[in-house]
Amino acid sequence: MGIFDDVVGKVLGKSSESGGESSGLLKGVMDILTDKEGGGLSGLVQSFQQKGLGDTISSWIGTGQNTPISPEQIEEGLGSERIQNLAAKAGMSTEEVTAMLSEQLPDIVDKITPDGVVPEGGFLDKGLEFLKSKLS
């Protein structure tokens, strides 16, 4: 589980630096990535593509350099309602949420797609569930 150990270390490291709020936010992100109804990671990719951010999220999945994303683009890609829900769960403002996600989401997606492709089910689902348990 080396990939997920890397992600857990990164996530938990950021959480301890920023306090419990970022832990709540990152748990919310893991919920999005494992949400079967919302399509999980594939649904996230589709949402970004539909909002004109396909090249950006593709760079996070690919094996090259991650394209940076602004907080405004994060809100565009995820949608205002999802950002508001994440903010409420984490006890943060929507501005704080989008700022943190613009820094951390590219790395999280990059780490869970090390081969440059979106894995389907199985290993990815188990790994993301493992991450969620570490953030609880």
N, C-alpha and C. Protein backbone atom coordinates (compact mmCIF):
# COMPACT_ATOMS: atom_id res chain seq x y z
N MET A 1 0.83 -1.20 0.00
CA MET A 1 0.00 0.00 0.00
C MET A 1 0.86 1.25 0.00
N GLY A 2 2.01 1.24 -0.59
CA GLY A 2 2.92 2.37 -0.57
C GLY A 2 2.33 3.67 -1.05
N ILE A 3 1.52 3.64 -2.09
CA ILE A 3 0.88 4.84 -2.62
C ILE A 3 0.03 5.48 -1.54
N PHE A 4 -0.77 4.68 -0.89
CA PHE A 4 -1.68 5.22 0.10
C PHE A 4 -0.94 5.64 1.36
N ASP A 5 0.15 4.99 1.69
CA ASP A 5 0.98 5.44 2.80
C ASP A 5 1.50 6.85 2.51
N ASP A 6 1.93 7.10 1.27
CA ASP A 6 2.40 8.43 0.87
C ASP A 6 1.30 9.47 1.04
N VAL A 7 0.10 9.12 0.57
CA VAL A 7 -1.01 10.06 0.65
C VAL A 7 -1.39 10.30 2.10
N VAL A 8 -1.47 9.23 2.91
CA VAL A 8 -1.81 9.37 4.32
C VAL A 8 -0.80 10.28 5.00
N GLY A 9 0.48 10.06 4.73
CA GLY A 9 1.52 10.91 5.33
C GLY A 9 1.35 12.35 4.95
N LYS A 10 1.06 12.61 3.69
CA LYS A 10 0.88 13.98 3.22
C LYS A 10 -0.36 14.60 3.86
N VAL A 11 -1.45 13.85 3.85
CA VAL A 11 -2.71 14.36 4.38
C VAL A 11 -2.60 14.59 5.88
N LEU A 12 -2.09 13.62 6.60
CA LEU A 12 -2.00 13.76 8.05
C LEU A 12 -0.97 14.82 8.43
N GLY A 13 0.08 14.96 7.66
CA GLY A 13 1.06 16.01 7.90
C GLY A 13 0.44 17.38 7.77
N LYS A 14 -0.33 17.59 6.72
CA LYS A 14 -1.03 18.87 6.52
C LYS A 14 -2.05 19.08 7.62
N SER A 15 -2.74 18.01 8.04
CA SER A 15 -3.77 18.13 9.05
C SER A 15 -3.19 18.57 10.38
N SER A 16 -2.04 18.00 10.77
CA SER A 16 -1.47 18.36 12.04
C SER A 16 -0.91 19.78 12.01
N GLU A 17 -0.47 20.25 10.85
CA GLU A 17 0.03 21.61 10.73
C GLU A 17 -1.11 22.62 10.80
N SER A 18 -2.26 22.29 10.26
CA SER A 18 -3.35 23.24 10.13
C SER A 18 -4.44 23.05 11.16
N GLY A 19 -4.35 22.04 11.99
CA GLY A 19 -5.37 21.79 12.98
C GLY A 19 -6.45 20.86 12.48
N GLY A 20 -7.47 20.67 13.31
CA GLY A 20 -8.54 19.73 13.01
C GLY A 20 -9.39 20.13 11.83
N GLU A 21 -9.44 21.42 11.51
CA GLU A 21 -10.28 21.86 10.39
C GLU A 21 -9.87 21.21 9.09
N SER A 22 -8.56 21.19 8.81
CA SER A 22 -8.13 20.60 7.55
C SER A 22 -8.35 19.09 7.55
N SER A 23 -8.31 18.47 8.72
CA SER A 23 -8.61 17.04 8.80
C SER A 23 -10.06 16.81 8.37
N GLY A 24 -10.97 17.66 8.83
CA GLY A 24 -12.37 17.55 8.42
C GLY A 24 -12.55 17.79 6.94
N LEU A 25 -11.80 18.75 6.42
CA LEU A 25 -11.86 19.04 4.99
C LEU A 25 -11.34 17.86 4.18
N LEU A 26 -10.22 17.30 4.58
CA LEU A 26 -9.65 16.19 3.82
C LEU A 26 -10.51 14.94 3.93
N LYS A 27 -11.18 14.75 5.05
CA LYS A 27 -12.14 13.65 5.15
C LYS A 27 -13.27 13.88 4.15
N GLY A 28 -13.71 15.13 4.02
CA GLY A 28 -14.75 15.46 3.04
C GLY A 28 -14.30 15.18 1.62
N VAL A 29 -13.03 15.47 1.33
CA VAL A 29 -12.48 15.17 0.00
C VAL A 29 -12.48 13.66 -0.23
N MET A 30 -12.09 12.90 0.78
CA MET A 30 -12.10 11.44 0.64
C MET A 30 -13.52 10.93 0.42
N ASP A 31 -14.50 11.58 1.08
CA ASP A 31 -15.90 11.22 0.84
C ASP A 31 -16.27 11.43 -0.63
N ILE A 32 -15.83 12.55 -1.21
CA ILE A 32 -16.10 12.83 -2.62
C ILE A 32 -15.46 11.77 -3.51
N LEU A 33 -14.22 11.41 -3.20
CA LEU A 33 -13.49 10.46 -4.04
C LEU A 33 -14.02 9.04 -3.93
N THR A 34 -14.78 8.75 -2.87
CA THR A 34 -15.33 7.40 -2.71
C THR A 34 -16.84 7.35 -2.89
N ASP A 35 -17.47 8.47 -3.19
CA ASP A 35 -18.92 8.55 -3.34
C ASP A 35 -19.37 7.82 -4.61
N LYS A 36 -20.03 6.69 -4.42
CA LYS A 36 -20.49 5.91 -5.57
C LYS A 36 -21.54 6.66 -6.38
N GLU A 37 -22.46 7.37 -5.71
CA GLU A 37 -23.51 8.09 -6.42
C GLU A 37 -22.94 9.23 -7.24
N GLY A 38 -21.90 9.89 -6.73
CA GLY A 38 -21.28 11.01 -7.45
C GLY A 38 -20.22 10.56 -8.44
N GLY A 39 -19.96 9.26 -8.50
CA GLY A 39 -18.99 8.74 -9.45
C GLY A 39 -17.57 8.66 -8.94
N GLY A 40 -17.34 9.05 -7.68
CA GLY A 40 -16.00 8.96 -7.11
C GLY A 40 -15.00 9.80 -7.90
N LEU A 41 -13.79 9.29 -8.04
CA LEU A 41 -12.75 10.01 -8.76
C LEU A 41 -13.14 10.23 -10.22
N SER A 42 -13.74 9.24 -10.85
CA SER A 42 -14.18 9.40 -12.24
C SER A 42 -15.21 10.51 -12.37
N GLY A 43 -16.12 10.60 -11.40
CA GLY A 43 -17.12 11.66 -11.40
C GLY A 43 -16.48 13.03 -11.21
N LEU A 44 -15.45 13.10 -10.37
CA LEU A 44 -14.73 14.34 -10.17
C LEU A 44 -14.06 14.79 -11.47
N VAL A 45 -13.42 13.84 -12.15
CA VAL A 45 -12.77 14.13 -13.43
C VAL A 45 -13.82 14.65 -14.43
N GLN A 46 -14.94 13.97 -14.49
CA GLN A 46 -16.00 14.37 -15.42
C GLN A 46 -16.51 15.78 -15.11
N SER A 47 -16.69 16.08 -13.82
CA SER A 47 -17.16 17.40 -13.42
C SER A 47 -16.18 18.49 -13.86
N PHE A 48 -14.88 18.25 -13.66
CA PHE A 48 -13.87 19.22 -14.07
C PHE A 48 -13.85 19.37 -15.59
N GLN A 49 -14.00 18.26 -16.31
CA GLN A 49 -14.01 18.32 -17.77
C GLN A 49 -15.19 19.13 -18.27
N GLN A 50 -16.35 18.93 -17.67
CA GLN A 50 -17.55 19.65 -18.09
C GLN A 50 -17.44 21.15 -17.83
N LYS A 51 -16.61 21.54 -16.89
CA LYS A 51 -16.44 22.95 -16.54
C LYS A 51 -15.24 23.58 -17.26
N GLY A 52 -14.67 22.86 -18.24
CA GLY A 52 -13.56 23.40 -19.00
C GLY A 52 -12.21 23.26 -18.31
N LEU A 53 -12.14 22.42 -17.29
CA LEU A 53 -10.89 22.23 -16.53
C LEU A 53 -10.30 20.84 -16.75
N GLY A 54 -10.65 20.23 -17.88
CA GLY A 54 -10.18 18.87 -18.18
C GLY A 54 -8.66 18.78 -18.29
N ASP A 55 -8.04 19.76 -18.93
CA ASP A 55 -6.57 19.73 -19.07
C ASP A 55 -5.90 19.82 -17.71
N THR A 56 -6.48 20.61 -16.81
CA THR A 56 -5.90 20.78 -15.48
C THR A 56 -5.94 19.47 -14.70
N ILE A 57 -7.11 18.85 -14.60
CA ILE A 57 -7.21 17.62 -13.81
C ILE A 57 -6.46 16.48 -14.50
N SER A 58 -6.41 16.50 -15.82
CA SER A 58 -5.65 15.48 -16.54
C SER A 58 -4.16 15.56 -16.20
N SER A 59 -3.68 16.77 -15.96
CA SER A 59 -2.25 16.92 -15.59
C SER A 59 -1.99 16.31 -14.22
N TRP A 60 -2.97 16.34 -13.32
CA TRP A 60 -2.79 15.74 -11.99
C TRP A 60 -2.76 14.23 -12.09
N ILE A 61 -3.54 13.69 -13.02
CA ILE A 61 -3.61 12.24 -13.21
C ILE A 61 -2.40 11.75 -13.97
N GLY A 62 -1.98 12.51 -14.96
CA GLY A 62 -0.83 12.12 -15.78
C GLY A 62 0.46 12.06 -14.98
N THR A 63 1.50 11.61 -15.63
CA THR A 63 2.77 11.41 -14.95
C THR A 63 3.69 12.63 -14.99
N GLY A 64 3.26 13.69 -15.65
CA GLY A 64 4.09 14.90 -15.73
C GLY A 64 3.80 15.87 -14.60
N GLN A 65 4.15 17.11 -14.85
CA GLN A 65 3.96 18.20 -13.88
C GLN A 65 2.48 18.46 -13.64
N ASN A 66 2.09 18.73 -12.38
CA ASN A 66 0.71 19.09 -12.05
C ASN A 66 0.48 20.57 -12.37
N THR A 67 -0.55 20.84 -13.17
CA THR A 67 -0.93 22.21 -13.45
C THR A 67 -1.57 22.80 -12.20
N PRO A 68 -1.13 24.00 -11.79
CA PRO A 68 -1.76 24.63 -10.63
C PRO A 68 -3.21 25.01 -10.93
N ILE A 69 -3.98 25.18 -9.86
CA ILE A 69 -5.38 25.57 -9.99
C ILE A 69 -5.68 26.64 -8.96
N SER A 70 -6.48 27.60 -9.35
CA SER A 70 -6.82 28.70 -8.44
C SER A 70 -8.01 28.28 -7.56
N PRO A 71 -8.19 28.96 -6.43
CA PRO A 71 -9.37 28.68 -5.61
C PRO A 71 -10.68 28.86 -6.39
N GLU A 72 -10.72 29.84 -7.27
CA GLU A 72 -11.93 30.08 -8.06
C GLU A 72 -12.21 28.90 -9.00
N GLN A 73 -11.14 28.34 -9.59
CA GLN A 73 -11.30 27.19 -10.47
C GLN A 73 -11.72 25.95 -9.68
N ILE A 74 -11.22 25.82 -8.45
CA ILE A 74 -11.66 24.70 -7.59
C ILE A 74 -13.16 24.78 -7.39
N GLU A 75 -13.65 25.97 -7.07
CA GLU A 75 -15.09 26.12 -6.85
C GLU A 75 -15.87 25.84 -8.13
N GLU A 76 -15.33 26.26 -9.26
CA GLU A 76 -15.97 25.99 -10.55
C GLU A 76 -16.04 24.48 -10.81
N GLY A 77 -14.92 23.79 -10.58
CA GLY A 77 -14.85 22.35 -10.85
C GLY A 77 -15.70 21.51 -9.93
N LEU A 78 -15.72 21.88 -8.66
CA LEU A 78 -16.48 21.10 -7.68
C LEU A 78 -17.93 21.56 -7.55
N GLY A 79 -18.17 22.82 -7.85
CA GLY A 79 -19.51 23.38 -7.70
C GLY A 79 -19.67 24.04 -6.34
N SER A 80 -20.44 25.12 -6.31
CA SER A 80 -20.63 25.90 -5.09
C SER A 80 -21.26 25.09 -3.96
N GLU A 81 -22.24 24.27 -4.31
CA GLU A 81 -22.94 23.48 -3.28
C GLU A 81 -21.98 22.51 -2.59
N ARG A 82 -21.14 21.85 -3.36
CA ARG A 82 -20.18 20.90 -2.79
C ARG A 82 -19.17 21.64 -1.90
N ILE A 83 -18.72 22.81 -2.34
CA ILE A 83 -17.78 23.60 -1.55
C ILE A 83 -18.44 24.03 -0.23
N GLN A 84 -19.68 24.46 -0.30
CA GLN A 84 -20.39 24.87 0.91
C GLN A 84 -20.56 23.69 1.87
N ASN A 85 -20.85 22.52 1.34
CA ASN A 85 -20.97 21.32 2.18
C ASN A 85 -19.64 20.98 2.85
N LEU A 86 -18.55 21.05 2.07
CA LEU A 86 -17.22 20.78 2.63
C LEU A 86 -16.88 21.79 3.72
N ALA A 87 -17.19 23.06 3.48
CA ALA A 87 -16.91 24.12 4.46
C ALA A 87 -17.69 23.87 5.75
N ALA A 88 -18.95 23.50 5.62
CA ALA A 88 -19.77 23.24 6.80
C ALA A 88 -19.23 22.06 7.60
N LYS A 89 -18.85 20.98 6.92
CA LYS A 89 -18.30 19.80 7.60
C LYS A 89 -16.99 20.11 8.31
N ALA A 90 -16.18 20.97 7.70
CA ALA A 90 -14.86 21.27 8.25
C ALA A 90 -14.88 22.44 9.22
N GLY A 91 -15.99 23.17 9.29
CA GLY A 91 -16.05 24.34 10.15
C GLY A 91 -15.17 25.46 9.65
N MET A 92 -15.12 25.62 8.32
CA MET A 92 -14.27 26.62 7.69
C MET A 92 -15.12 27.49 6.76
N SER A 93 -14.55 28.61 6.33
CA SER A 93 -15.22 29.43 5.32
C SER A 93 -15.01 28.79 3.95
N THR A 94 -15.86 29.15 3.00
CA THR A 94 -15.69 28.61 1.65
C THR A 94 -14.38 29.10 1.04
N GLU A 95 -13.95 30.31 1.41
CA GLU A 95 -12.67 30.83 0.91
C GLU A 95 -11.49 29.99 1.41
N GLU A 96 -11.55 29.60 2.70
CA GLU A 96 -10.49 28.76 3.26
C GLU A 96 -10.47 27.39 2.58
N VAL A 97 -11.66 26.85 2.34
CA VAL A 97 -11.77 25.54 1.70
C VAL A 97 -11.18 25.57 0.30
N THR A 98 -11.59 26.53 -0.50
CA THR A 98 -11.08 26.58 -1.87
C THR A 98 -9.58 26.85 -1.90
N ALA A 99 -9.08 27.66 -0.98
CA ALA A 99 -7.64 27.93 -0.92
C ALA A 99 -6.87 26.66 -0.58
N MET A 100 -7.33 25.92 0.43
CA MET A 100 -6.64 24.68 0.81
C MET A 100 -6.73 23.64 -0.30
N LEU A 101 -7.90 23.52 -0.91
CA LEU A 101 -8.06 22.52 -1.97
C LEU A 101 -7.21 22.87 -3.18
N SER A 102 -7.03 24.14 -3.46
CA SER A 102 -6.20 24.50 -4.62
C SER A 102 -4.75 24.07 -4.39
N GLU A 103 -4.35 23.98 -3.14
CA GLU A 103 -2.99 23.52 -2.82
C GLU A 103 -2.90 22.00 -2.73
N GLN A 104 -3.92 21.35 -2.15
CA GLN A 104 -3.81 19.94 -1.81
C GLN A 104 -4.45 18.97 -2.79
N LEU A 105 -5.54 19.36 -3.44
CA LEU A 105 -6.24 18.43 -4.33
C LEU A 105 -5.36 17.93 -5.48
N PRO A 106 -4.57 18.79 -6.13
CA PRO A 106 -3.71 18.27 -7.20
C PRO A 106 -2.77 17.16 -6.71
N ASP A 107 -2.19 17.33 -5.52
CA ASP A 107 -1.28 16.31 -4.99
C ASP A 107 -2.02 15.03 -4.62
N ILE A 108 -3.22 15.16 -4.05
CA ILE A 108 -3.99 13.98 -3.67
C ILE A 108 -4.35 13.17 -4.91
N VAL A 109 -4.88 13.85 -5.93
CA VAL A 109 -5.25 13.14 -7.17
C VAL A 109 -4.01 12.53 -7.81
N ASP A 110 -2.91 13.26 -7.80
CA ASP A 110 -1.66 12.76 -8.37
C ASP A 110 -1.21 11.48 -7.66
N LYS A 111 -1.28 11.48 -6.34
CA LYS A 111 -0.82 10.31 -5.56
C LYS A 111 -1.70 9.08 -5.77
N ILE A 112 -3.01 9.29 -5.96
CA ILE A 112 -3.89 8.12 -6.11
C ILE A 112 -3.99 7.64 -7.56
N THR A 113 -3.27 8.32 -8.46
CA THR A 113 -3.22 7.90 -9.87
C THR A 113 -1.76 7.82 -10.33
N PRO A 114 -0.92 7.02 -9.66
CA PRO A 114 0.51 7.03 -9.95
C PRO A 114 0.89 6.53 -11.35
N ASP A 115 0.03 5.76 -11.96
CA ASP A 115 0.34 5.23 -13.29
C ASP A 115 -0.21 6.10 -14.41
N GLY A 116 -0.77 7.25 -14.05
CA GLY A 116 -1.27 8.17 -15.06
C GLY A 116 -2.65 7.83 -15.59
N VAL A 117 -3.38 6.95 -14.89
CA VAL A 117 -4.74 6.60 -15.27
C VAL A 117 -5.61 6.54 -14.02
N VAL A 118 -6.91 6.74 -14.23
CA VAL A 118 -7.86 6.64 -13.13
C VAL A 118 -8.19 5.17 -12.92
N PRO A 119 -7.77 4.59 -11.78
CA PRO A 119 -8.09 3.18 -11.53
C PRO A 119 -9.59 3.01 -11.32
N GLU A 120 -10.10 1.90 -11.72
CA GLU A 120 -11.52 1.61 -11.57
C GLU A 120 -11.74 0.66 -10.41
N GLY A 121 -12.47 1.12 -9.39
CA GLY A 121 -12.89 0.27 -8.29
C GLY A 121 -11.77 -0.48 -7.60
N GLY A 122 -12.13 -1.54 -6.92
CA GLY A 122 -11.19 -2.45 -6.29
C GLY A 122 -10.15 -1.78 -5.41
N PHE A 123 -8.93 -1.78 -5.86
CA PHE A 123 -7.80 -1.29 -5.10
C PHE A 123 -7.98 0.17 -4.71
N LEU A 124 -8.44 1.01 -5.64
CA LEU A 124 -8.62 2.42 -5.35
C LEU A 124 -9.66 2.60 -4.25
N ASP A 125 -10.79 1.93 -4.36
CA ASP A 125 -11.83 2.07 -3.35
C ASP A 125 -11.33 1.65 -1.97
N LYS A 126 -10.62 0.54 -1.90
CA LYS A 126 -10.09 0.07 -0.62
C LYS A 126 -9.08 1.06 -0.05
N GLY A 127 -8.24 1.58 -0.90
CA GLY A 127 -7.23 2.53 -0.45
C GLY A 127 -7.85 3.83 0.05
N LEU A 128 -8.85 4.32 -0.67
CA LEU A 128 -9.50 5.55 -0.24
C LEU A 128 -10.29 5.35 1.04
N GLU A 129 -10.91 4.20 1.19
CA GLU A 129 -11.60 3.89 2.44
C GLU A 129 -10.59 3.84 3.59
N PHE A 130 -9.40 3.30 3.33
CA PHE A 130 -8.33 3.27 4.33
C PHE A 130 -7.95 4.70 4.73
N LEU A 131 -7.79 5.57 3.74
CA LEU A 131 -7.48 6.97 4.02
C LEU A 131 -8.55 7.61 4.89
N LYS A 132 -9.80 7.40 4.54
CA LYS A 132 -10.90 7.97 5.32
C LYS A 132 -10.83 7.51 6.76
N SER A 133 -10.50 6.24 6.98
CA SER A 133 -10.44 5.73 8.35
C SER A 133 -9.33 6.40 9.14
N LYS A 134 -8.24 6.78 8.48
CA LYS A 134 -7.13 7.45 9.15
C LYS A 134 -7.48 8.88 9.52
N LEU A 135 -8.45 9.47 8.83
CA LEU A 135 -8.84 10.85 9.10
C LEU A 135 -9.97 10.95 10.11
N SER A 136 -10.53 9.83 10.52
CA SER A 136 -11.65 9.85 11.45
C SER A 136 -11.19 10.08 12.87
